């Protein structure tokens, strides 16, 4: 369940940051590295 809470937080943060292009690029890089760690 901990992973679900983290993903929900990430989703909310993503929705907030997607409005800003710089933040969006930074977030996508972070998300990609996180996704590769979770595999």
PDB file of N, CA and C in Angstrom:
ATOM      1  N   UNK A   1       0.826  -1.211   0.000  1.00  0.00           N
ATOM      2  CA  UNK A   1       0.000   0.000   0.000  1.00  0.00           C
ATOM      3  C   UNK A   1       0.860   1.262   0.000  1.00  0.00           C
ATOM      4  N   UNK A   2       2.084   1.125   0.510  1.00  0.00           N
ATOM      5  CA  UNK A   2       2.965   2.292   0.563  1.00  0.00           C
ATOM      6  C   UNK A   2       3.241   2.824  -0.842  1.00  0.00           C
ATOM      7  N   UNK A   3       3.419   1.899  -1.781  1.00  0.00           N
ATOM      8  CA  UNK A   3       3.678   2.297  -3.164  1.00  0.00           C
ATOM      9  C   UNK A   3       2.515   3.083  -3.749  1.00  0.00           C
ATOM     10  N   UNK A   4       1.300   2.710  -3.382  1.00  0.00           N
ATOM     11  CA  UNK A   4       0.114   3.398  -3.892  1.00  0.00           C
ATOM     12  C   UNK A   4       0.085   4.840  -3.410  1.00  0.00           C
ATOM     13  N   UNK A   5       0.410   5.050  -2.139  1.00  0.00           N
ATOM     14  CA  UNK A   5       0.428   6.403  -1.579  1.00  0.00           C
ATOM     15  C   UNK A   5       1.485   7.247  -2.278  1.00  0.00           C
ATOM     16  N   UNK A   6       2.630   6.641  -2.540  1.00  0.00           N
ATOM     17  CA  UNK A   6       3.709   7.354  -3.232  1.00  0.00           C
ATOM     18  C   UNK A   6       3.261   7.730  -4.640  1.00  0.00           C
ATOM     19  N   UNK A   7       2.631   6.792  -5.335  1.00  0.00           N
ATOM     20  CA  UNK A   7       2.183   7.060  -6.702  1.00  0.00           C
ATOM     21  C   UNK A   7       1.115   8.159  -6.722  1.00  0.00           C
ATOM     22  N   UNK A   8       0.235   8.167  -5.728  1.00  0.00           N
ATOM     23  CA  UNK A   8      -0.801   9.200  -5.651  1.00  0.00           C
ATOM     24  C   UNK A   8      -0.155  10.570  -5.450  1.00  0.00           C
ATOM     25  N   UNK A   9       0.846  10.621  -4.585  1.00  0.00           N
ATOM     26  CA  UNK A   9       1.560  11.872  -4.326  1.00  0.00           C
ATOM     27  C   UNK A   9       2.277  12.340  -5.585  1.00  0.00           C
ATOM     28  N   UNK A  10       2.918  11.394  -6.275  1.00  0.00           N
ATOM     29  CA  UNK A  10       3.617  11.714  -7.523  1.00  0.00           C
ATOM     30  C   UNK A  10       2.629  12.240  -8.556  1.00  0.00           C
ATOM     31  N   UNK A  11       1.461  11.613  -8.647  1.00  0.00           N
ATOM     32  CA  UNK A  11       0.451  12.029  -9.620  1.00  0.00           C
ATOM     33  C   UNK A  11      -0.024  13.451  -9.335  1.00  0.00           C
ATOM     34  N   UNK A  12      -0.264  13.754  -8.062  1.00  0.00           N
ATOM     35  CA  UNK A  12      -0.703  15.100  -7.691  1.00  0.00           C
ATOM     36  C   UNK A  12       0.392  16.119  -7.985  1.00  0.00           C
ATOM     37  N   UNK A  13       1.621  15.768  -7.636  1.00  0.00           N
ATOM     38  CA  UNK A  13       2.752  16.655  -7.905  1.00  0.00           C
ATOM     39  C   UNK A  13       2.921  16.862  -9.401  1.00  0.00           C
ATOM     40  N   UNK A  14       2.732  15.790 -10.172  1.00  0.00           N
ATOM     41  CA  UNK A  14       2.868  15.863 -11.625  1.00  0.00           C
ATOM     42  C   UNK A  14       1.816  16.811 -12.199  1.00  0.00           C
ATOM     43  N   UNK A  15       0.576  16.664 -11.761  1.00  0.00           N
ATOM     44  CA  UNK A  15      -0.506  17.513 -12.259  1.00  0.00           C
ATOM     45  C   UNK A  15      -0.188  18.983 -11.987  1.00  0.00           C
ATOM     46  N   UNK A  16       0.394  19.250 -10.820  1.00  0.00           N
ATOM     47  CA  UNK A  16       0.747  20.616 -10.441  1.00  0.00           C
ATOM     48  C   UNK A  16       1.914  21.147 -11.275  1.00  0.00           C
ATOM     49  N   UNK A  17       2.936  20.291 -11.479  1.00  0.00           N
ATOM     50  CA  UNK A  17       4.157  20.726 -12.155  1.00  0.00           C
ATOM     51  C   UNK A  17       4.072  20.723 -13.675  1.00  0.00           C
ATOM     52  N   UNK A  18       3.126  19.959 -14.238  1.00  0.00           N
ATOM     53  CA  UNK A  18       3.040  19.846 -15.701  1.00  0.00           C
ATOM     54  C   UNK A  18       2.783  21.188 -16.385  1.00  0.00           C
ATOM     55  N   UNK A  19       2.301  22.175 -15.615  1.00  0.00           N
ATOM     56  CA  UNK A  19       2.036  23.489 -16.186  1.00  0.00           C
ATOM     57  C   UNK A  19       3.337  24.210 -16.541  1.00  0.00           C
ATOM     58  N   UNK A  20       4.420  23.801 -15.881  1.00  0.00           N
ATOM     59  CA  UNK A  20       5.716  24.449 -16.088  1.00  0.00           C
ATOM     60  C   UNK A  20       6.627  23.513 -16.876  1.00  0.00           C
ATOM     61  N   UNK A  21       7.110  23.980 -18.026  1.00  0.00           N
ATOM     62  CA  UNK A  21       7.889  23.096 -18.912  1.00  0.00           C
ATOM     63  C   UNK A  21       9.185  22.613 -18.273  1.00  0.00           C
ATOM     64  N   UNK A  22       9.897  23.495 -17.575  1.00  0.00           N
ATOM     65  CA  UNK A  22      11.151  23.089 -16.927  1.00  0.00           C
ATOM     66  C   UNK A  22      10.884  22.007 -15.895  1.00  0.00           C
ATOM     67  N   UNK A  23       9.875  22.229 -15.069  1.00  0.00           N
ATOM     68  CA  UNK A  23       9.517  21.257 -14.040  1.00  0.00           C
ATOM     69  C   UNK A  23       9.076  19.947 -14.671  1.00  0.00           C
ATOM     70  N   UNK A  24       8.358  20.064 -15.795  1.00  0.00           N
ATOM     71  CA  UNK A  24       7.858  18.872 -16.478  1.00  0.00           C
ATOM     72  C   UNK A  24       9.018  17.993 -16.940  1.00  0.00           C
ATOM     73  N   UNK A  25      10.035  18.591 -17.534  1.00  0.00           N
ATOM     74  CA  UNK A  25      11.189  17.819 -18.000  1.00  0.00           C
ATOM     75  C   UNK A  25      11.914  17.162 -16.832  1.00  0.00           C
ATOM     76  N   UNK A  26      12.083  17.917 -15.751  1.00  0.00           N
ATOM     77  CA  UNK A  26      12.755  17.400 -14.562  1.00  0.00           C
ATOM     78  C   UNK A  26      11.955  16.231 -13.987  1.00  0.00           C
ATOM     79  N   UNK A  27      10.641  16.406 -13.931  1.00  0.00           N
ATOM     80  CA  UNK A  27       9.762  15.385 -13.373  1.00  0.00           C
ATOM     81  C   UNK A  27       9.796  14.114 -14.209  1.00  0.00           C
ATOM     82  N   UNK A  28       9.772  14.256 -15.523  1.00  0.00           N
ATOM     83  CA  UNK A  28       9.795  13.080 -16.394  1.00  0.00           C
ATOM     84  C   UNK A  28      11.088  12.292 -16.216  1.00  0.00           C
ATOM     85  N   UNK A  29      12.212  12.999 -16.058  1.00  0.00           N
ATOM     86  CA  UNK A  29      13.482  12.312 -15.832  1.00  0.00           C
ATOM     87  C   UNK A  29      13.440  11.547 -14.517  1.00  0.00           C
ATOM     88  N   UNK A  30      12.887  12.181 -13.485  1.00  0.00           N
ATOM     89  CA  UNK A  30      12.777  11.539 -12.181  1.00  0.00           C
ATOM     90  C   UNK A  30      11.866  10.320 -12.270  1.00  0.00           C
ATOM     91  N   UNK A  31      10.742  10.476 -12.960  1.00  0.00           N
ATOM     92  CA  UNK A  31       9.772   9.397 -13.077  1.00  0.00           C
ATOM     93  C   UNK A  31      10.361   8.203 -13.820  1.00  0.00           C
ATOM     94  N   UNK A  32      11.118   8.487 -14.879  1.00  0.00           N
ATOM     95  CA  UNK A  32      11.750   7.408 -15.646  1.00  0.00           C
ATOM     96  C   UNK A  32      12.749   6.640 -14.793  1.00  0.00           C
ATOM     97  N   UNK A  33      13.552   7.357 -14.014  1.00  0.00           N
ATOM     98  CA  UNK A  33      14.544   6.681 -13.172  1.00  0.00           C
ATOM     99  C   UNK A  33      13.841   5.890 -12.074  1.00  0.00           C
ATOM    100  N   UNK A  34      12.736   6.422 -11.542  1.00  0.00           N
ATOM    101  CA  UNK A  34      11.979   5.725 -10.509  1.00  0.00           C
ATOM    102  C   UNK A  34      11.354   4.456 -11.088  1.00  0.00           C
ATOM    103  N   UNK A  35      10.820   4.553 -12.294  1.00  0.00           N
ATOM    104  CA  UNK A  35      10.183   3.405 -12.944  1.00  0.00           C
ATOM    105  C   UNK A  35      11.199   2.291 -13.174  1.00  0.00           C
ATOM    106  N   UNK A  36      12.412   2.655 -13.553  1.00  0.00           N
ATOM    107  CA  UNK A  36      13.431   1.629 -13.806  1.00  0.00           C
ATOM    108  C   UNK A  36      13.871   0.973 -12.504  1.00  0.00           C
ATOM    109  N   UNK A  37      13.830   1.711 -11.407  1.00  0.00           N
ATOM    110  CA  UNK A  37      14.203   1.152 -10.099  1.00  0.00           C
ATOM    111  C   UNK A  37      13.134   0.167  -9.625  1.00  0.00           C
ATOM    112  N   UNK A  38      11.861   0.459  -9.916  1.00  0.00           N
ATOM    113  CA  UNK A  38      10.752  -0.378  -9.443  1.00  0.00           C
ATOM    114  C   UNK A  38      10.639  -1.705 -10.192  1.00  0.00           C
ATOM    115  N   UNK A  39      11.288  -1.843 -11.351  1.00  0.00           N
ATOM    116  CA  UNK A  39      11.188  -3.076 -12.146  1.00  0.00           C
ATOM    117  C   UNK A  39      11.859  -4.245 -11.443  1.00  0.00           C
TER     118      UNK A  39
END
